[in-house]
Amino acid sequence: MFVFFGFVVLLGFAFWVGDKNKPEAVSTSTSYDEVLTKIANDKLDDLVATGYWAHTNSNGCNYDCRVGQYLNEDMYSWIGENIYRGICSEQSAYDLWEKSVTHKAVLDHESDREVLISRPYDEENCYIILEKAVLSK
């Protein structure tokens, strides 16, 4: 979903899967927080390098594909992502996400893990990404 709000463009996405069995672990040496951070940083790398503004990367790998590189569907029962582009302010990102039904649904969804990362793309502006997940029980 695209929401144009001044010079700020927002994208919100949530991906649901059915209830799954709890995994033993993401890997023997990786935590869920590290995995969500990797998913977010990979997306930010693509945004900064290409300016391609979507949940799908410039190479065509959609959100499900990006998450699937690190997590199997049996590892989570819900995962969501919000992306922000604008002034470097986490509060501004949250304020704008609150005004969008799709983004607010991601914000309001209870989660086990949450990662928020900000990355500047010029002197005044940043990409901010929020990744949230509910682990399988």
C-alpha atoms as a PDB file:
ATOM      1  CA  MET A   1       0.000   0.000   0.000  1.00  0.00           C
ATOM      2  CA  PHE A   2       1.380   3.406  -0.940  1.00  0.00           C
ATOM      3  CA  VAL A   3       0.458   6.414   1.164  1.00  0.00           C
ATOM      4  CA  PHE A   4       1.691   9.770  -0.037  1.00  0.00           C
ATOM      5  CA  PHE A   5       1.975  12.248   2.826  1.00  0.00           C
ATOM      6  CA  GLY A   6       3.943  15.320   1.823  1.00  0.00           C
ATOM      7  CA  PHE A   7       7.403  14.094   0.870  1.00  0.00           C
ATOM      8  CA  VAL A   8       7.060  10.976   2.991  1.00  0.00           C
ATOM      9  CA  VAL A   9       6.145   7.680   1.388  1.00  0.00           C
ATOM     10  CA  LEU A  10       5.081   4.756   3.536  1.00  0.00           C
ATOM     11  CA  LEU A  11       4.759   1.084   2.770  1.00  0.00           C
ATOM     12  CA  GLY A  12       3.126  -1.399   5.138  1.00  0.00           C
ATOM     13  CA  PHE A  13       2.904  -5.132   4.839  1.00  0.00           C
ATOM     14  CA  ALA A  14       1.971  -8.039   7.045  1.00  0.00           C
ATOM     15  CA  PHE A  15       2.354 -11.707   6.245  1.00  0.00           C
ATOM     16  CA  TRP A  16       0.321 -14.316   8.083  1.00  0.00           C
ATOM     17  CA  VAL A  17       0.749 -18.069   8.014  1.00  0.00           C
ATOM     18  CA  GLY A  18      -1.210 -20.782   9.771  1.00  0.00           C
ATOM     19  CA  ASP A  19      -0.316 -22.095  13.193  1.00  0.00           C
ATOM     20  CA  LYS A  20       2.852 -24.146  13.072  1.00  0.00           C
ATOM     21  CA  ASN A  21       4.852 -26.224  15.520  1.00  0.00           C
ATOM     22  CA  LYS A  22       7.500 -24.394  17.506  1.00  0.00           C
ATOM     23  CA  PRO A  23      10.940 -24.754  15.938  1.00  0.00           C
ATOM     24  CA  GLU A  24      13.912 -25.934  17.921  1.00  0.00           C
ATOM     25  CA  ALA A  25      15.815 -22.762  16.972  1.00  0.00           C
ATOM     26  CA  VAL A  26      16.541 -20.532  14.016  1.00  0.00           C
ATOM     27  CA  SER A  27      20.027 -22.014  14.072  1.00  0.00           C
ATOM     28  CA  THR A  28      22.370 -23.103  16.776  1.00  0.00           C
ATOM     29  CA  SER A  29      24.083 -19.700  16.873  1.00  0.00           C
ATOM     30  CA  THR A  30      21.458 -17.194  15.692  1.00  0.00           C
ATOM     31  CA  SER A  31      18.662 -15.580  17.705  1.00  0.00           C
ATOM     32  CA  TYR A  32      15.336 -14.403  16.284  1.00  0.00           C
ATOM     33  CA  ASP A  33      16.387 -10.802  16.953  1.00  0.00           C
ATOM     34  CA  GLU A  34      19.514 -11.298  14.855  1.00  0.00           C
ATOM     35  CA  VAL A  35      17.434 -12.799  12.056  1.00  0.00           C
ATOM     36  CA  LEU A  36      14.923  -9.902  12.056  1.00  0.00           C
ATOM     37  CA  THR A  37      17.875  -7.489  12.074  1.00  0.00           C
ATOM     38  CA  LYS A  38      19.385  -9.296   9.075  1.00  0.00           C
ATOM     39  CA  ILE A  39      16.037  -9.180   7.191  1.00  0.00           C
ATOM     40  CA  ALA A  40      15.749  -5.443   7.925  1.00  0.00           C
ATOM     41  CA  ASN A  41      19.371  -4.657   7.027  1.00  0.00           C
ATOM     42  CA  ASP A  42      19.160  -6.585   3.753  1.00  0.00           C
ATOM     43  CA  LYS A  43      16.113  -4.499   2.793  1.00  0.00           C
ATOM     44  CA  LEU A  44      17.799  -1.258   3.848  1.00  0.00           C
ATOM     45  CA  ASP A  45      20.914  -2.175   1.826  1.00  0.00           C
ATOM     46  CA  ASP A  46      18.721  -2.594  -1.260  1.00  0.00           C
ATOM     47  CA  LEU A  47      16.797   0.644  -0.612  1.00  0.00           C
ATOM     48  CA  VAL A  48      19.959   2.709  -0.169  1.00  0.00           C
ATOM     49  CA  ALA A  49      21.792   1.110  -3.113  1.00  0.00           C
ATOM     50  CA  THR A  50      18.948   1.231  -5.641  1.00  0.00           C
ATOM     51  CA  GLY A  51      16.279   3.577  -4.290  1.00  0.00           C
ATOM     52  CA  TYR A  52      13.756   0.900  -5.311  1.00  0.00           C
ATOM     53  CA  TRP A  53      10.844   1.683  -2.999  1.00  0.00           C
ATOM     54  CA  ALA A  54       8.765  -1.443  -2.325  1.00  0.00           C
ATOM     55  CA  HIS A  55       8.662  -4.450  -0.019  1.00  0.00           C
ATOM     56  CA  THR A  56       9.927  -6.420  -3.004  1.00  0.00           C
ATOM     57  CA  ASN A  57      13.669  -5.961  -3.526  1.00  0.00           C
ATOM     58  CA  SER A  58      15.021  -4.577  -6.784  1.00  0.00           C
ATOM     59  CA  ASN A  59      15.970  -8.151  -7.781  1.00  0.00           C
ATOM     60  CA  GLY A  60      12.309  -9.258  -7.577  1.00  0.00           C
ATOM     61  CA  CYS A  61      12.589 -11.060  -4.238  1.00  0.00           C
ATOM     62  CA  ASN A  62       9.280 -10.256  -2.478  1.00  0.00           C
ATOM     63  CA  TYR A  63       8.748 -10.066   1.282  1.00  0.00           C
ATOM     64  CA  ASP A  64       7.967 -13.779   1.569  1.00  0.00           C
ATOM     65  CA  CYS A  65      11.135 -14.567  -0.382  1.00  0.00           C
ATOM     66  CA  ARG A  66      13.240 -12.221   1.778  1.00  0.00           C
ATOM     67  CA  VAL A  67      11.906 -13.698   5.036  1.00  0.00           C
ATOM     68  CA  GLY A  68      12.206 -17.237   3.657  1.00  0.00           C
ATOM     69  CA  GLN A  69      15.948 -16.785   3.220  1.00  0.00           C
ATOM     70  CA  TYR A  70      16.262 -16.795   7.024  1.00  0.00           C
ATOM     71  CA  LEU A  71      13.108 -18.298   8.544  1.00  0.00           C
ATOM     72  CA  ASN A  72      11.056 -21.363   7.689  1.00  0.00           C
ATOM     73  CA  GLU A  73       7.270 -20.896   7.868  1.00  0.00           C
ATOM     74  CA  ASP A  74       7.146 -23.257  10.859  1.00  0.00           C
ATOM     75  CA  MET A  75       9.230 -20.789  12.892  1.00  0.00           C
ATOM     76  CA  TYR A  76       6.605 -18.045  13.128  1.00  0.00           C
ATOM     77  CA  SER A  77       2.841 -17.653  13.067  1.00  0.00           C
ATOM     78  CA  TRP A  78       2.873 -13.979  11.990  1.00  0.00           C
ATOM     79  CA  ILE A  79       5.440 -11.534  10.658  1.00  0.00           C
ATOM     80  CA  GLY A  80       5.018  -7.905   9.641  1.00  0.00           C
ATOM     81  CA  GLU A  81       7.038  -5.037   8.221  1.00  0.00           C
ATOM     82  CA  ASN A  82       6.639  -1.259   7.982  1.00  0.00           C
ATOM     83  CA  ILE A  83       8.952   0.895   5.877  1.00  0.00           C
ATOM     84  CA  TYR A  84       9.318   4.675   6.129  1.00  0.00           C
ATOM     85  CA  ARG A  85      11.175   7.212   3.995  1.00  0.00           C
ATOM     86  CA  GLY A  86      11.509  10.789   5.190  1.00  0.00           C
ATOM     87  CA  ILE A  87      13.067  12.976   7.858  1.00  0.00           C
ATOM     88  CA  CYS A  88      15.337  11.070  10.248  1.00  0.00           C
ATOM     89  CA  SER A  89      12.927  10.718  13.145  1.00  0.00           C
ATOM     90  CA  GLU A  90      11.661   7.438  14.552  1.00  0.00           C
ATOM     91  CA  GLN A  91       8.799   9.373  16.158  1.00  0.00           C
ATOM     92  CA  SER A  92       7.809  10.787  12.761  1.00  0.00           C
ATOM     93  CA  ALA A  93       7.760   7.269  11.344  1.00  0.00           C
ATOM     94  CA  TYR A  94       5.550   6.013  14.191  1.00  0.00           C
ATOM     95  CA  ASP A  95       3.257   9.050  13.969  1.00  0.00           C
ATOM     96  CA  LEU A  96       2.712   8.468  10.243  1.00  0.00           C
ATOM     97  CA  TRP A  97       2.322   4.692  10.625  1.00  0.00           C
ATOM     98  CA  GLU A  98      -0.384   5.362  13.227  1.00  0.00           C
ATOM     99  CA  LYS A  99      -2.443   7.228  10.577  1.00  0.00           C
ATOM    100  CA  SER A 100      -2.530   4.267   8.185  1.00  0.00           C
ATOM    101  CA  VAL A 101      -4.782   1.277   8.875  1.00  0.00           C
ATOM    102  CA  THR A 102      -2.276  -1.197   7.405  1.00  0.00           C
ATOM    103  CA  HIS A 103       0.710   0.250   9.238  1.00  0.00           C
ATOM    104  CA  LYS A 104      -1.214   0.608  12.491  1.00  0.00           C
ATOM    105  CA  ALA A 105      -2.194  -3.072  12.292  1.00  0.00           C
ATOM    106  CA  VAL A 106       1.494  -3.971  12.231  1.00  0.00           C
ATOM    107  CA  LEU A 107       2.258  -1.545  15.082  1.00  0.00           C
ATOM    108  CA  ASP A 108      -0.617  -2.827  17.233  1.00  0.00           C
ATOM    109  CA  HIS A 109      -0.056  -6.534  16.624  1.00  0.00           C
ATOM    110  CA  GLU A 110       1.410  -8.180  19.727  1.00  0.00           C
ATOM    111  CA  SER A 111       4.764  -9.686  18.921  1.00  0.00           C
ATOM    112  CA  ASP A 112       7.488 -11.725  20.534  1.00  0.00           C
ATOM    113  CA  ARG A 113      10.266  -9.907  18.720  1.00  0.00           C
ATOM    114  CA  GLU A 114      10.629  -6.432  17.245  1.00  0.00           C
ATOM    115  CA  VAL A 115      13.494  -4.676  15.462  1.00  0.00           C
ATOM    116  CA  LEU A 116      13.584  -1.004  14.406  1.00  0.00           C
ATOM    117  CA  ILE A 117      16.498   0.247  12.289  1.00  0.00           C
ATOM    118  CA  SER A 118      17.154   3.676  10.772  1.00  0.00           C
ATOM    119  CA  ARG A 119      19.562   4.312   7.874  1.00  0.00           C
ATOM    120  CA  PRO A 120      20.284   7.748   6.351  1.00  0.00           C
ATOM    121  CA  TYR A 121      20.181   8.112   2.580  1.00  0.00           C
ATOM    122  CA  ASP A 122      21.138  11.787   2.450  1.00  0.00           C
ATOM    123  CA  GLU A 123      21.993  14.563   4.923  1.00  0.00           C
ATOM    124  CA  GLU A 124      18.448  14.976   6.278  1.00  0.00           C
ATOM    125  CA  ASN A 125      16.493  11.872   5.370  1.00  0.00           C
ATOM    126  CA  CYS A 126      16.399   8.252   6.435  1.00  0.00           C
ATOM    127  CA  TYR A 127      14.819   4.954   5.652  1.00  0.00           C
ATOM    128  CA  ILE A 128      13.330   3.431   8.795  1.00  0.00           C
ATOM    129  CA  ILE A 129      12.197  -0.174   8.901  1.00  0.00           C
ATOM    130  CA  LEU A 130      10.216  -2.048  11.546  1.00  0.00           C
ATOM    131  CA  GLU A 131      10.193  -5.855  11.585  1.00  0.00           C
ATOM    132  CA  LYS A 132       7.921  -7.703  14.008  1.00  0.00           C
ATOM    133  CA  ALA A 133       7.313 -11.414  14.471  1.00  0.00           C
ATOM    134  CA  VAL A 134       5.231 -13.818  16.534  1.00  0.00           C
ATOM    135  CA  LEU A 135       7.120 -17.033  17.113  1.00  0.00           C
ATOM    136  CA  SER A 136       5.361 -20.330  16.688  1.00  0.00           C
ATOM    137  CA  LYS A 137       4.207 -21.888  19.935  1.00  0.00           C
END
